Amino acid sequence: MFKFKITCDQATTICDKSQYRKATLLEILRLRIHFINCKICALYTKQNNRMSRIFKKNMREDAFCSMTKEEKEAIHTAFQKKTSMN
């Protein structure tokens, strides 16, 4: 039975991995056994899953964008001017 015993830190790591389908079957089994004795980790997993679902549901296509090359150069130039003044 000691092979299945994990810490809360390990449980949260497995929880995070399982959301991205990276956890093994053995890790998920260990996590479920851990939930029997640790209601805090079970609550963490429940809340983490809920937040992920909400984020995915509300995420827009344009939510992740990057600056154009011109915008990056403008910031770099402004930074250079600011640091040369000091």
N, C-alpha and C. Protein backbone atom coordinates (compact mmCIF):
# COMPACT_ATOMS: atom_id res chain seq x y z
N MET A 1 0.82 -1.21 0.00
CA MET A 1 0.00 0.00 0.00
C MET A 1 0.85 1.26 0.00
N PHE A 2 2.10 1.18 0.49
CA PHE A 2 2.96 2.35 0.53
C PHE A 2 3.34 2.82 -0.87
N LYS A 3 3.27 1.95 -1.86
CA LYS A 3 3.58 2.35 -3.23
C LYS A 3 2.55 3.34 -3.76
N PHE A 4 1.36 3.33 -3.17
CA PHE A 4 0.30 4.21 -3.63
C PHE A 4 0.21 5.50 -2.83
N LYS A 5 0.96 5.59 -1.74
CA LYS A 5 0.91 6.77 -0.88
C LYS A 5 1.70 7.91 -1.52
N ILE A 6 1.08 9.08 -1.66
CA ILE A 6 1.74 10.26 -2.22
C ILE A 6 1.50 11.46 -1.32
N THR A 7 2.33 12.47 -1.47
CA THR A 7 2.18 13.70 -0.70
C THR A 7 1.18 14.62 -1.41
N CYS A 8 0.79 15.67 -0.72
CA CYS A 8 -0.12 16.64 -1.33
C CYS A 8 0.55 17.35 -2.51
N ASP A 9 1.84 17.62 -2.41
CA ASP A 9 2.56 18.24 -3.53
C ASP A 9 2.52 17.34 -4.76
N GLN A 10 2.73 16.06 -4.55
CA GLN A 10 2.67 15.11 -5.66
C GLN A 10 1.25 15.03 -6.22
N ALA A 11 0.27 15.11 -5.34
CA ALA A 11 -1.13 15.04 -5.77
C ALA A 11 -1.49 16.23 -6.66
N THR A 12 -1.05 17.42 -6.30
CA THR A 12 -1.36 18.59 -7.13
C THR A 12 -0.64 18.52 -8.47
N THR A 13 0.56 17.98 -8.47
CA THR A 13 1.29 17.81 -9.73
C THR A 13 0.56 16.83 -10.64
N ILE A 14 0.11 15.73 -10.08
CA ILE A 14 -0.63 14.74 -10.87
C ILE A 14 -1.94 15.33 -11.37
N CYS A 15 -2.59 16.11 -10.52
CA CYS A 15 -3.83 16.78 -10.92
C CYS A 15 -3.60 17.65 -12.14
N ASP A 16 -2.55 18.44 -12.09
CA ASP A 16 -2.23 19.33 -13.22
C ASP A 16 -1.89 18.52 -14.47
N LYS A 17 -1.13 17.45 -14.30
CA LYS A 17 -0.76 16.61 -15.44
C LYS A 17 -1.99 15.94 -16.05
N SER A 18 -2.92 15.53 -15.21
CA SER A 18 -4.10 14.81 -15.71
C SER A 18 -4.99 15.72 -16.55
N GLN A 19 -4.98 17.02 -16.27
CA GLN A 19 -5.78 17.94 -17.07
C GLN A 19 -5.28 18.01 -18.51
N TYR A 20 -4.00 17.80 -18.70
CA TYR A 20 -3.42 17.84 -20.04
C TYR A 20 -3.19 16.45 -20.61
N ARG A 21 -3.83 15.47 -19.97
CA ARG A 21 -3.74 14.07 -20.41
C ARG A 21 -2.30 13.54 -20.42
N LYS A 22 -1.50 13.99 -19.45
CA LYS A 22 -0.10 13.57 -19.34
C LYS A 22 0.13 12.62 -18.17
N ALA A 23 -0.88 12.41 -17.35
CA ALA A 23 -0.73 11.53 -16.19
C ALA A 23 -0.94 10.08 -16.60
N THR A 24 -0.16 9.21 -16.00
CA THR A 24 -0.29 7.78 -16.29
C THR A 24 -1.46 7.21 -15.49
N LEU A 25 -1.86 6.02 -15.85
CA LEU A 25 -2.95 5.35 -15.15
C LEU A 25 -2.58 5.12 -13.68
N LEU A 26 -1.34 4.76 -13.42
CA LEU A 26 -0.88 4.55 -12.04
C LEU A 26 -0.92 5.85 -11.24
N GLU A 27 -0.53 6.96 -11.86
CA GLU A 27 -0.59 8.25 -11.16
C GLU A 27 -2.02 8.63 -10.83
N ILE A 28 -2.93 8.41 -11.74
CA ILE A 28 -4.34 8.72 -11.49
C ILE A 28 -4.89 7.85 -10.38
N LEU A 29 -4.51 6.60 -10.36
CA LEU A 29 -4.93 5.69 -9.29
C LEU A 29 -4.40 6.18 -7.94
N ARG A 30 -3.13 6.57 -7.90
CA ARG A 30 -2.55 7.11 -6.66
C ARG A 30 -3.29 8.37 -6.21
N LEU A 31 -3.64 9.20 -7.17
CA LEU A 31 -4.37 10.43 -6.86
C LEU A 31 -5.73 10.11 -6.25
N ARG A 32 -6.45 9.17 -6.83
CA ARG A 32 -7.77 8.79 -6.31
C ARG A 32 -7.67 8.22 -4.90
N ILE A 33 -6.65 7.43 -4.65
CA ILE A 33 -6.45 6.88 -3.30
C ILE A 33 -6.11 8.01 -2.32
N HIS A 34 -5.33 8.98 -2.77
CA HIS A 34 -4.97 10.12 -1.93
C HIS A 34 -6.23 10.91 -1.53
N PHE A 35 -7.18 11.02 -2.46
CA PHE A 35 -8.42 11.76 -2.19
C PHE A 35 -9.22 11.15 -1.05
N ILE A 36 -9.09 9.88 -0.80
CA ILE A 36 -9.83 9.23 0.28
C ILE A 36 -9.47 9.85 1.62
N ASN A 37 -8.20 10.18 1.81
CA ASN A 37 -7.75 10.73 3.09
C ASN A 37 -7.54 12.24 3.06
N CYS A 38 -7.50 12.85 1.90
CA CYS A 38 -7.20 14.29 1.82
C CYS A 38 -8.29 15.02 1.05
N LYS A 39 -9.20 15.59 1.78
CA LYS A 39 -10.31 16.32 1.15
C LYS A 39 -9.85 17.65 0.57
N ILE A 40 -8.74 18.19 1.07
CA ILE A 40 -8.23 19.46 0.55
C ILE A 40 -7.74 19.28 -0.89
N CYS A 41 -7.02 18.21 -1.14
CA CYS A 41 -6.53 17.94 -2.50
C CYS A 41 -7.70 17.63 -3.44
N ALA A 42 -8.70 16.94 -2.93
CA ALA A 42 -9.88 16.66 -3.74
C ALA A 42 -10.58 17.96 -4.13
N LEU A 43 -10.67 18.90 -3.19
CA LEU A 43 -11.27 20.20 -3.46
C LEU A 43 -10.43 20.99 -4.44
N TYR A 44 -9.10 20.95 -4.28
CA TYR A 44 -8.19 21.63 -5.20
C TYR A 44 -8.43 21.12 -6.63
N THR A 45 -8.50 19.81 -6.79
CA THR A 45 -8.70 19.22 -8.11
C THR A 45 -10.03 19.65 -8.71
N LYS A 46 -11.06 19.63 -7.89
CA LYS A 46 -12.39 20.03 -8.35
C LYS A 46 -12.39 21.49 -8.82
N GLN A 47 -11.79 22.37 -8.01
CA GLN A 47 -11.74 23.79 -8.37
C GLN A 47 -10.85 24.03 -9.59
N ASN A 48 -9.75 23.31 -9.66
CA ASN A 48 -8.83 23.45 -10.79
C ASN A 48 -9.52 23.03 -12.09
N ASN A 49 -10.24 21.94 -12.05
CA ASN A 49 -10.98 21.49 -13.24
C ASN A 49 -12.05 22.49 -13.64
N ARG A 50 -12.74 23.03 -12.66
CA ARG A 50 -13.79 24.02 -12.93
C ARG A 50 -13.20 25.27 -13.58
N MET A 51 -12.09 25.76 -13.04
CA MET A 51 -11.46 26.95 -13.62
C MET A 51 -11.00 26.70 -15.05
N SER A 52 -10.46 25.53 -15.31
CA SER A 52 -10.00 25.19 -16.66
C SER A 52 -11.17 25.15 -17.64
N ARG A 53 -12.29 24.56 -17.21
CA ARG A 53 -13.48 24.52 -18.08
C ARG A 53 -13.99 25.92 -18.38
N ILE A 54 -14.03 26.78 -17.36
CA ILE A 54 -14.50 28.15 -17.56
C ILE A 54 -13.57 28.90 -18.50
N PHE A 55 -12.28 28.73 -18.32
CA PHE A 55 -11.32 29.41 -19.17
C PHE A 55 -11.47 28.96 -20.62
N LYS A 56 -11.57 27.65 -20.84
CA LYS A 56 -11.71 27.14 -22.20
C LYS A 56 -12.99 27.63 -22.85
N LYS A 57 -14.06 27.67 -22.07
CA LYS A 57 -15.35 28.10 -22.61
C LYS A 57 -15.34 29.57 -23.00
N ASN A 58 -14.64 30.39 -22.24
CA ASN A 58 -14.66 31.83 -22.47
C ASN A 58 -13.48 32.33 -23.30
N MET A 59 -12.59 31.45 -23.66
CA MET A 59 -11.42 31.87 -24.42
C MET A 59 -11.81 32.23 -25.85
N ARG A 60 -11.33 33.36 -26.29
CA ARG A 60 -11.59 33.80 -27.66
C ARG A 60 -10.42 33.38 -28.54
N GLU A 61 -10.65 33.36 -29.81
CA GLU A 61 -9.60 33.03 -30.77
C GLU A 61 -8.46 34.04 -30.72
N ASP A 62 -8.80 35.31 -30.53
CA ASP A 62 -7.78 36.35 -30.54
C ASP A 62 -7.23 36.65 -29.15
N ALA A 63 -7.50 35.78 -28.18
CA ALA A 63 -7.07 36.01 -26.81
C ALA A 63 -5.55 36.02 -26.68
N PHE A 64 -4.91 35.24 -27.52
CA PHE A 64 -3.46 35.16 -27.47
C PHE A 64 -2.89 35.80 -28.73
N CYS A 65 -2.36 36.97 -28.57
CA CYS A 65 -1.76 37.65 -29.71
C CYS A 65 -0.40 38.17 -29.29
N SER A 66 0.39 38.53 -30.26
CA SER A 66 1.71 39.06 -29.94
C SER A 66 1.86 40.42 -30.60
N MET A 67 2.86 41.15 -30.13
CA MET A 67 3.12 42.46 -30.69
C MET A 67 3.77 42.33 -32.06
N THR A 68 3.53 43.33 -32.86
CA THR A 68 4.18 43.36 -34.17
C THR A 68 5.65 43.74 -33.97
N LYS A 69 6.43 43.54 -35.00
CA LYS A 69 7.85 43.88 -34.93
C LYS A 69 8.03 45.37 -34.67
N GLU A 70 7.19 46.18 -35.28
CA GLU A 70 7.27 47.63 -35.10
C GLU A 70 6.98 48.03 -33.65
N GLU A 71 5.99 47.38 -33.04
CA GLU A 71 5.66 47.67 -31.64
C GLU A 71 6.82 47.29 -30.72
N LYS A 72 7.44 46.15 -30.99
CA LYS A 72 8.58 45.73 -30.19
C LYS A 72 9.75 46.69 -30.33
N GLU A 73 10.00 47.15 -31.54
CA GLU A 73 11.09 48.10 -31.78
C GLU A 73 10.82 49.44 -31.09
N ALA A 74 9.56 49.87 -31.08
CA ALA A 74 9.20 51.13 -30.42
C ALA A 74 9.45 51.03 -28.92
N ILE A 75 9.11 49.92 -28.33
CA ILE A 75 9.35 49.72 -26.90
C ILE A 75 10.85 49.68 -26.62
N HIS A 76 11.58 48.99 -27.48
CA HIS A 76 13.04 48.90 -27.31
C HIS A 76 13.68 50.28 -27.41
N THR A 77 13.25 51.07 -28.38
CA THR A 77 13.79 52.42 -28.55
C THR A 77 13.46 53.29 -27.34
N ALA A 78 12.23 53.22 -26.86
CA ALA A 78 11.84 54.01 -25.69
C ALA A 78 12.65 53.58 -24.47
N PHE A 79 12.89 52.30 -24.32
CA PHE A 79 13.71 51.80 -23.20
C PHE A 79 15.14 52.31 -23.31
N GLN A 80 15.68 52.28 -24.51
CA GLN A 80 17.06 52.75 -24.71
C GLN A 80 17.19 54.25 -24.38
N LYS A 81 16.20 55.04 -24.80
CA LYS A 81 16.20 56.48 -24.50
C LYS A 81 16.14 56.71 -22.99
N LYS A 82 15.29 55.95 -22.32
CA LYS A 82 15.10 56.11 -20.88
C LYS A 82 16.37 55.74 -20.12
N THR A 83 17.03 54.66 -20.51
CA THR A 83 18.23 54.23 -19.81
C THR A 83 19.44 55.12 -20.12
N SER A 84 19.46 55.73 -21.30
CA SER A 84 20.61 56.60 -21.63
C SER A 84 20.48 57.95 -20.92
N MET A 85 19.31 58.32 -20.48
CA MET A 85 19.10 59.56 -19.76
C MET A 85 19.63 59.46 -18.33
N ASN A 86 19.72 58.28 -17.79
CA ASN A 86 20.16 58.10 -16.40
C ASN A 86 21.61 58.01 -16.36
